[in-house]
Amino acid sequence: MKRDEGAAWSIFGYLLSGLLFWGGAGYFLDRWLNTRYFLLGGLLLGAGAAIYLIWLRFGRE
């Protein structure tokens, strides 16, 4: 039971950190370049990278 709880928090952490890091990078690129599409691209990239890392860690058993 304790291991499953730790895995859930790890998955949540991967998703949150991917969205915050890449979404933040996209946000600052949008501000710097005066555009409106890097934030969306960063959020999609962050979510995709996080799902890939989750699959590498938990899905290949």
N, C-alpha and C. Protein backbone atom coordinates (compact mmCIF):
# COMPACT_ATOMS: atom_id res chain seq x y z
N MET A 1 0.83 -1.21 0.00
CA MET A 1 0.00 0.00 0.00
C MET A 1 0.87 1.25 0.00
N LYS A 2 1.91 1.26 0.80
CA LYS A 2 2.78 2.44 0.89
C LYS A 2 3.49 2.70 -0.44
N ARG A 3 3.89 1.62 -1.13
CA ARG A 3 4.59 1.78 -2.40
C ARG A 3 3.66 2.38 -3.47
N ASP A 4 2.41 1.95 -3.49
CA ASP A 4 1.45 2.50 -4.45
C ASP A 4 1.21 3.98 -4.20
N GLU A 5 1.16 4.38 -2.94
CA GLU A 5 0.97 5.79 -2.61
C GLU A 5 2.18 6.60 -3.07
N GLY A 6 3.37 6.06 -2.89
CA GLY A 6 4.57 6.75 -3.36
C GLY A 6 4.60 6.88 -4.87
N ALA A 7 4.13 5.85 -5.57
CA ALA A 7 4.09 5.90 -7.03
C ALA A 7 3.12 6.97 -7.51
N ALA A 8 1.97 7.07 -6.84
CA ALA A 8 0.99 8.09 -7.22
C ALA A 8 1.56 9.49 -7.06
N TRP A 9 2.28 9.72 -5.96
CA TRP A 9 2.88 11.03 -5.76
C TRP A 9 4.00 11.30 -6.75
N SER A 10 4.74 10.26 -7.13
CA SER A 10 5.79 10.43 -8.13
C SER A 10 5.18 10.80 -9.48
N ILE A 11 4.11 10.12 -9.85
CA ILE A 11 3.44 10.44 -11.12
C ILE A 11 2.90 11.86 -11.10
N PHE A 12 2.28 12.25 -10.01
CA PHE A 12 1.78 13.62 -9.87
C PHE A 12 2.93 14.63 -9.97
N GLY A 13 4.05 14.31 -9.34
CA GLY A 13 5.21 15.20 -9.39
C GLY A 13 5.77 15.34 -10.79
N TYR A 14 5.86 14.22 -11.53
CA TYR A 14 6.34 14.29 -12.90
C TYR A 14 5.43 15.17 -13.75
N LEU A 15 4.12 14.97 -13.64
CA LEU A 15 3.19 15.76 -14.44
C LEU A 15 3.26 17.24 -14.09
N LEU A 16 3.26 17.54 -12.81
CA LEU A 16 3.28 18.94 -12.38
C LEU A 16 4.58 19.62 -12.78
N SER A 17 5.70 18.95 -12.56
CA SER A 17 6.98 19.59 -12.88
C SER A 17 7.15 19.77 -14.38
N GLY A 18 6.68 18.79 -15.18
CA GLY A 18 6.76 18.95 -16.63
C GLY A 18 5.96 20.13 -17.13
N LEU A 19 4.74 20.25 -16.60
CA LEU A 19 3.89 21.37 -17.01
C LEU A 19 4.46 22.71 -16.55
N LEU A 20 4.94 22.75 -15.31
CA LEU A 20 5.48 24.02 -14.80
C LEU A 20 6.76 24.42 -15.52
N PHE A 21 7.67 23.48 -15.73
CA PHE A 21 8.94 23.83 -16.36
C PHE A 21 8.75 24.25 -17.82
N TRP A 22 8.16 23.35 -18.63
CA TRP A 22 8.03 23.65 -20.05
C TRP A 22 6.96 24.70 -20.33
N GLY A 23 5.90 24.72 -19.52
CA GLY A 23 4.91 25.79 -19.66
C GLY A 23 5.50 27.14 -19.29
N GLY A 24 6.32 27.15 -18.26
CA GLY A 24 7.00 28.39 -17.87
C GLY A 24 7.98 28.86 -18.93
N ALA A 25 8.71 27.92 -19.51
CA ALA A 25 9.63 28.29 -20.59
C ALA A 25 8.86 28.86 -21.78
N GLY A 26 7.73 28.24 -22.11
CA GLY A 26 6.90 28.76 -23.20
C GLY A 26 6.33 30.12 -22.88
N TYR A 27 5.92 30.31 -21.64
CA TYR A 27 5.37 31.61 -21.23
C TYR A 27 6.42 32.71 -21.39
N PHE A 28 7.64 32.44 -20.92
CA PHE A 28 8.68 33.47 -21.02
C PHE A 28 9.12 33.70 -22.46
N LEU A 29 9.09 32.65 -23.29
CA LEU A 29 9.36 32.87 -24.71
C LEU A 29 8.28 33.73 -25.35
N ASP A 30 7.03 33.50 -24.97
CA ASP A 30 5.93 34.33 -25.48
C ASP A 30 6.11 35.79 -25.08
N ARG A 31 6.47 36.01 -23.83
CA ARG A 31 6.67 37.39 -23.36
C ARG A 31 7.84 38.04 -24.08
N TRP A 32 8.91 37.29 -24.28
CA TRP A 32 10.13 37.82 -24.88
C TRP A 32 9.94 38.11 -26.37
N LEU A 33 9.25 37.21 -27.08
CA LEU A 33 9.10 37.34 -28.52
C LEU A 33 7.78 37.96 -28.95
N ASN A 34 6.93 38.32 -27.98
CA ASN A 34 5.63 38.92 -28.28
C ASN A 34 4.77 38.02 -29.15
N THR A 35 4.70 36.74 -28.78
CA THR A 35 3.86 35.79 -29.50
C THR A 35 2.82 35.22 -28.54
N ARG A 36 1.99 34.27 -29.04
CA ARG A 36 0.95 33.71 -28.18
C ARG A 36 0.85 32.20 -28.29
N TYR A 37 1.83 31.53 -28.87
CA TYR A 37 1.70 30.09 -29.08
C TYR A 37 2.76 29.25 -28.38
N PHE A 38 3.81 29.84 -27.85
CA PHE A 38 4.84 29.06 -27.18
C PHE A 38 4.35 28.49 -25.84
N LEU A 39 3.46 29.17 -25.17
CA LEU A 39 2.91 28.65 -23.91
C LEU A 39 2.18 27.33 -24.16
N LEU A 40 1.32 27.30 -25.16
CA LEU A 40 0.60 26.08 -25.48
C LEU A 40 1.57 24.97 -25.90
N GLY A 41 2.54 25.32 -26.71
CA GLY A 41 3.54 24.33 -27.13
C GLY A 41 4.34 23.81 -25.94
N GLY A 42 4.69 24.69 -25.02
CA GLY A 42 5.43 24.27 -23.84
C GLY A 42 4.62 23.36 -22.94
N LEU A 43 3.32 23.68 -22.78
CA LEU A 43 2.46 22.83 -21.97
C LEU A 43 2.29 21.45 -22.60
N LEU A 44 2.12 21.41 -23.91
CA LEU A 44 2.00 20.12 -24.60
C LEU A 44 3.30 19.32 -24.52
N LEU A 45 4.41 20.01 -24.71
CA LEU A 45 5.71 19.34 -24.60
C LEU A 45 5.94 18.82 -23.19
N GLY A 46 5.61 19.62 -22.19
CA GLY A 46 5.78 19.20 -20.80
C GLY A 46 4.92 18.02 -20.44
N ALA A 47 3.68 18.02 -20.88
CA ALA A 47 2.78 16.89 -20.60
C ALA A 47 3.27 15.64 -21.33
N GLY A 48 3.67 15.79 -22.57
CA GLY A 48 4.16 14.63 -23.32
C GLY A 48 5.44 14.06 -22.74
N ALA A 49 6.36 14.93 -22.36
CA ALA A 49 7.61 14.46 -21.76
C ALA A 49 7.35 13.78 -20.42
N ALA A 50 6.44 14.33 -19.63
CA ALA A 50 6.12 13.74 -18.33
C ALA A 50 5.48 12.36 -18.51
N ILE A 51 4.58 12.23 -19.46
CA ILE A 51 3.94 10.93 -19.70
C ILE A 51 4.98 9.92 -20.18
N TYR A 52 5.91 10.35 -21.01
CA TYR A 52 6.97 9.46 -21.46
C TYR A 52 7.85 9.01 -20.29
N LEU A 53 8.23 9.93 -19.42
CA LEU A 53 9.04 9.56 -18.26
C LEU A 53 8.28 8.64 -17.32
N ILE A 54 6.99 8.87 -17.15
CA ILE A 54 6.17 7.99 -16.31
C ILE A 54 6.14 6.60 -16.93
N TRP A 55 5.97 6.52 -18.23
CA TRP A 55 5.97 5.22 -18.90
C TRP A 55 7.32 4.52 -18.75
N LEU A 56 8.42 5.26 -18.87
CA LEU A 56 9.74 4.66 -18.69
C LEU A 56 9.91 4.10 -17.29
N ARG A 57 9.42 4.81 -16.30
CA ARG A 57 9.64 4.40 -14.92
C ARG A 57 8.65 3.34 -14.44
N PHE A 58 7.39 3.48 -14.78
CA PHE A 58 6.36 2.60 -14.21
C PHE A 58 5.71 1.65 -15.22
N GLY A 59 5.78 1.94 -16.50
CA GLY A 59 5.02 1.19 -17.47
C GLY A 59 5.71 0.02 -18.11
N ARG A 60 7.01 -0.10 -17.95
CA ARG A 60 7.76 -1.15 -18.63
C ARG A 60 8.04 -2.34 -17.73
N GLU A 61 7.19 -2.67 -16.81
CA GLU A 61 7.45 -3.78 -15.90
C GLU A 61 7.09 -5.12 -16.48
